[in-house]
Structure formats: C-alpha cells, structure tokens
N, C-alpha and C. Protein backbone atom coordinates (compact mmCIF):
# COMPACT_ATOMS: atom_id res chain seq x y z
N UNK A 1 -34.66 4.91 22.28
CA UNK A 1 -33.35 4.78 22.86
C UNK A 1 -32.29 4.88 21.76
N UNK A 2 -31.29 5.78 21.91
CA UNK A 2 -30.27 5.95 20.87
C UNK A 2 -29.43 4.68 20.70
N UNK A 3 -29.07 4.43 19.45
CA UNK A 3 -28.23 3.27 19.14
C UNK A 3 -26.78 3.56 19.51
N UNK A 4 -26.11 2.60 20.14
CA UNK A 4 -24.71 2.74 20.52
C UNK A 4 -23.82 2.72 19.28
N UNK A 5 -22.87 3.62 19.22
CA UNK A 5 -21.87 3.64 18.14
C UNK A 5 -20.49 3.60 18.76
N UNK A 6 -19.70 2.61 18.36
CA UNK A 6 -18.33 2.49 18.89
C UNK A 6 -17.47 3.66 18.41
N UNK A 7 -16.30 3.78 19.01
CA UNK A 7 -15.38 4.85 18.62
C UNK A 7 -15.02 4.76 17.15
N UNK A 8 -14.83 3.54 16.64
CA UNK A 8 -14.48 3.40 15.22
C UNK A 8 -15.68 3.70 14.33
N UNK A 9 -16.89 3.33 14.75
CA UNK A 9 -18.08 3.66 13.96
C UNK A 9 -18.24 5.17 13.83
N UNK A 10 -17.88 5.91 14.87
CA UNK A 10 -18.04 7.36 14.85
C UNK A 10 -17.07 8.05 13.89
N UNK A 11 -16.05 7.32 13.43
CA UNK A 11 -15.08 7.90 12.49
C UNK A 11 -15.54 7.80 11.05
N UNK A 12 -16.50 6.94 10.77
CA UNK A 12 -16.98 6.76 9.40
C UNK A 12 -17.61 8.06 8.90
N UNK A 13 -17.16 8.50 7.73
CA UNK A 13 -17.63 9.75 7.15
C UNK A 13 -16.73 10.93 7.46
N UNK A 14 -15.76 10.75 8.34
CA UNK A 14 -14.85 11.84 8.68
C UNK A 14 -13.67 11.87 7.72
N UNK A 15 -12.92 12.95 7.79
CA UNK A 15 -11.74 13.14 6.95
C UNK A 15 -10.50 12.95 7.81
N UNK A 16 -9.49 12.32 7.23
CA UNK A 16 -8.22 12.12 7.92
C UNK A 16 -7.06 12.38 6.98
N UNK A 17 -5.87 12.12 7.47
CA UNK A 17 -4.66 12.31 6.67
C UNK A 17 -3.77 11.08 6.82
N UNK A 18 -3.17 10.67 5.71
CA UNK A 18 -2.29 9.51 5.72
C UNK A 18 -0.96 9.89 6.39
N UNK A 19 -0.55 9.07 7.35
CA UNK A 19 0.72 9.26 8.04
C UNK A 19 1.76 8.28 7.50
N UNK A 20 1.34 7.05 7.25
CA UNK A 20 2.21 6.01 6.71
C UNK A 20 1.49 5.38 5.51
N UNK A 21 2.19 5.21 4.41
CA UNK A 21 1.61 4.72 3.15
C UNK A 21 0.61 3.59 3.38
N UNK A 22 -0.53 3.69 2.69
CA UNK A 22 -1.57 2.65 2.75
C UNK A 22 -1.56 1.95 1.39
N UNK A 23 -1.15 0.67 1.32
CA UNK A 23 -1.06 -0.04 0.04
C UNK A 23 -2.42 -0.19 -0.64
N UNK A 24 -2.41 -0.13 -1.97
CA UNK A 24 -3.62 -0.21 -2.79
C UNK A 24 -4.32 -1.56 -2.65
N UNK A 25 -5.61 -1.56 -2.96
CA UNK A 25 -6.44 -2.75 -3.10
C UNK A 25 -6.36 -3.70 -1.91
N UNK A 26 -6.34 -3.12 -0.72
CA UNK A 26 -6.32 -3.89 0.54
C UNK A 26 -5.20 -4.92 0.58
N UNK A 27 -4.04 -4.55 0.03
CA UNK A 27 -2.90 -5.48 0.00
C UNK A 27 -1.99 -5.30 1.22
N UNK A 28 -2.36 -4.45 2.14
CA UNK A 28 -1.57 -4.20 3.35
C UNK A 28 -2.20 -3.08 4.14
N UNK A 29 -1.56 -2.73 5.24
CA UNK A 29 -2.08 -1.68 6.11
C UNK A 29 -1.11 -0.53 6.24
N UNK A 30 -1.68 0.64 6.42
CA UNK A 30 -0.91 1.83 6.71
C UNK A 30 -1.51 2.51 7.92
N UNK A 31 -1.13 3.75 8.13
CA UNK A 31 -1.60 4.51 9.29
C UNK A 31 -2.22 5.83 8.82
N UNK A 32 -3.39 6.15 9.36
CA UNK A 32 -4.01 7.44 9.12
C UNK A 32 -4.26 8.13 10.46
N UNK A 33 -4.36 9.45 10.40
CA UNK A 33 -4.67 10.23 11.60
C UNK A 33 -6.06 10.84 11.39
N UNK A 34 -6.95 10.51 12.32
CA UNK A 34 -8.32 11.02 12.26
C UNK A 34 -8.68 11.52 13.65
N UNK A 35 -9.15 12.75 13.73
CA UNK A 35 -9.55 13.30 15.02
C UNK A 35 -8.43 13.31 16.04
N UNK A 36 -7.19 13.51 15.58
CA UNK A 36 -6.06 13.59 16.50
C UNK A 36 -5.52 12.25 16.95
N UNK A 37 -6.09 11.14 16.46
CA UNK A 37 -5.63 9.80 16.84
C UNK A 37 -5.13 9.03 15.63
N UNK A 38 -4.18 8.13 15.85
CA UNK A 38 -3.64 7.28 14.78
C UNK A 38 -4.41 5.97 14.72
N UNK A 39 -4.72 5.53 13.48
CA UNK A 39 -5.49 4.31 13.27
C UNK A 39 -4.86 3.49 12.16
N UNK A 40 -4.93 2.15 12.28
CA UNK A 40 -4.55 1.27 11.18
C UNK A 40 -5.60 1.42 10.09
N UNK A 41 -5.15 1.31 8.85
CA UNK A 41 -6.06 1.60 7.74
C UNK A 41 -5.73 0.75 6.52
N UNK A 42 -6.76 0.41 5.77
CA UNK A 42 -6.63 -0.24 4.46
C UNK A 42 -7.43 0.60 3.46
N UNK A 43 -7.16 0.37 2.17
CA UNK A 43 -7.91 1.07 1.14
C UNK A 43 -8.27 0.12 0.00
N UNK A 44 -9.40 0.38 -0.63
CA UNK A 44 -9.79 -0.35 -1.83
C UNK A 44 -9.44 0.44 -3.08
N UNK A 45 -8.78 1.57 -2.91
CA UNK A 45 -8.35 2.39 -4.05
C UNK A 45 -7.37 1.60 -4.90
N UNK A 46 -7.27 1.95 -6.18
CA UNK A 46 -6.39 1.25 -7.11
C UNK A 46 -4.94 1.70 -7.02
N UNK A 47 -4.69 2.79 -6.30
CA UNK A 47 -3.33 3.29 -6.11
C UNK A 47 -3.06 3.45 -4.63
N UNK A 48 -1.78 3.34 -4.24
CA UNK A 48 -1.41 3.54 -2.84
C UNK A 48 -1.83 4.93 -2.38
N UNK A 49 -2.18 5.04 -1.11
CA UNK A 49 -2.43 6.35 -0.50
C UNK A 49 -1.12 6.77 0.16
N UNK A 50 -0.55 7.85 -0.31
CA UNK A 50 0.76 8.30 0.15
C UNK A 50 0.64 9.25 1.33
N UNK A 51 1.71 9.38 2.14
CA UNK A 51 1.68 10.30 3.27
C UNK A 51 1.24 11.71 2.85
N UNK A 52 0.50 12.35 3.73
CA UNK A 52 -0.06 13.70 3.56
C UNK A 52 -1.27 13.74 2.63
N UNK A 53 -1.74 12.59 2.14
CA UNK A 53 -2.96 12.54 1.34
C UNK A 53 -4.17 12.65 2.25
N UNK A 54 -5.11 13.52 1.90
CA UNK A 54 -6.36 13.63 2.65
C UNK A 54 -7.26 12.47 2.23
N UNK A 55 -7.88 11.81 3.21
CA UNK A 55 -8.72 10.65 2.93
C UNK A 55 -10.07 10.80 3.61
N UNK A 56 -11.04 10.07 3.08
CA UNK A 56 -12.39 9.99 3.63
C UNK A 56 -12.54 8.58 4.20
N UNK A 57 -12.98 8.48 5.44
CA UNK A 57 -13.15 7.17 6.09
C UNK A 57 -14.49 6.61 5.64
N UNK A 58 -14.42 5.51 4.88
CA UNK A 58 -15.62 4.95 4.24
C UNK A 58 -16.23 3.78 5.01
N UNK A 59 -15.49 3.22 5.94
CA UNK A 59 -16.01 2.09 6.69
C UNK A 59 -14.95 1.53 7.61
N UNK A 60 -15.23 0.33 8.12
CA UNK A 60 -14.26 -0.32 8.99
C UNK A 60 -14.47 -1.83 8.93
N UNK A 61 -13.43 -2.55 9.27
CA UNK A 61 -13.51 -3.99 9.47
C UNK A 61 -12.85 -4.23 10.82
N UNK A 62 -13.66 -4.48 11.83
CA UNK A 62 -13.14 -4.55 13.20
C UNK A 62 -12.53 -3.20 13.55
N UNK A 63 -11.30 -3.20 14.08
CA UNK A 63 -10.67 -1.93 14.44
C UNK A 63 -9.90 -1.27 13.28
N UNK A 64 -9.94 -1.87 12.09
CA UNK A 64 -9.22 -1.35 10.94
C UNK A 64 -10.12 -0.45 10.11
N UNK A 65 -9.70 0.79 9.89
CA UNK A 65 -10.48 1.72 9.09
C UNK A 65 -10.27 1.46 7.60
N UNK A 66 -11.29 1.76 6.81
CA UNK A 66 -11.21 1.73 5.35
C UNK A 66 -11.26 3.16 4.86
N UNK A 67 -10.37 3.54 3.96
CA UNK A 67 -10.30 4.93 3.51
C UNK A 67 -10.20 5.00 1.99
N UNK A 68 -10.70 6.10 1.47
CA UNK A 68 -10.58 6.43 0.05
C UNK A 68 -10.01 7.84 -0.05
N UNK A 69 -9.31 8.12 -1.15
CA UNK A 69 -8.79 9.49 -1.30
C UNK A 69 -9.96 10.47 -1.32
N UNK A 70 -9.78 11.60 -0.64
CA UNK A 70 -10.84 12.61 -0.61
C UNK A 70 -10.90 13.31 -1.95
N UNK A 71 -12.10 13.43 -2.48
CA UNK A 71 -12.28 14.16 -3.75
C UNK A 71 -12.27 15.65 -3.48
N UNK A 72 -11.68 16.39 -4.39
CA UNK A 72 -11.59 17.85 -4.20
C UNK A 72 -12.83 18.52 -4.70
C-alpha cells in the first residue's frame, strides 16, 4: 500500500522562487512560489533569500517550507 504524502511533503525536493524576502538563519518568514502556489518559508542559509532567487525546498515544519538557495 503506497504511503500517503501531504501536499507540503510533495514539495520537498522541488524548485521554487522567492516572492518576498526570506530572512537568514530561520529568523523570520518570507514567501516562495512553488508549483504555481505561494507558501510561507524559512531558511537556514546564512544570508537572506532575496526576491527572484531560485530555491530548493529542503524540508518543512508543519505547513512552513524550508528552502536553500539553488546551486547552479
């Protein structure tokens, strides 16, 4: 029987784009767009994620996504 994955679980590993600045080191929340939808987001990166930055969704805490800058 396949394991159930929530909508937020299905976003892990996908690429998104920052819409509203995401403060560094989980010091606040910003907004990212993934799969055409807007999500609250935090980052463990050492620098803020600025608008138009491509990000990789690395995990989640409840409905809040965790993102890191996408490596080129």
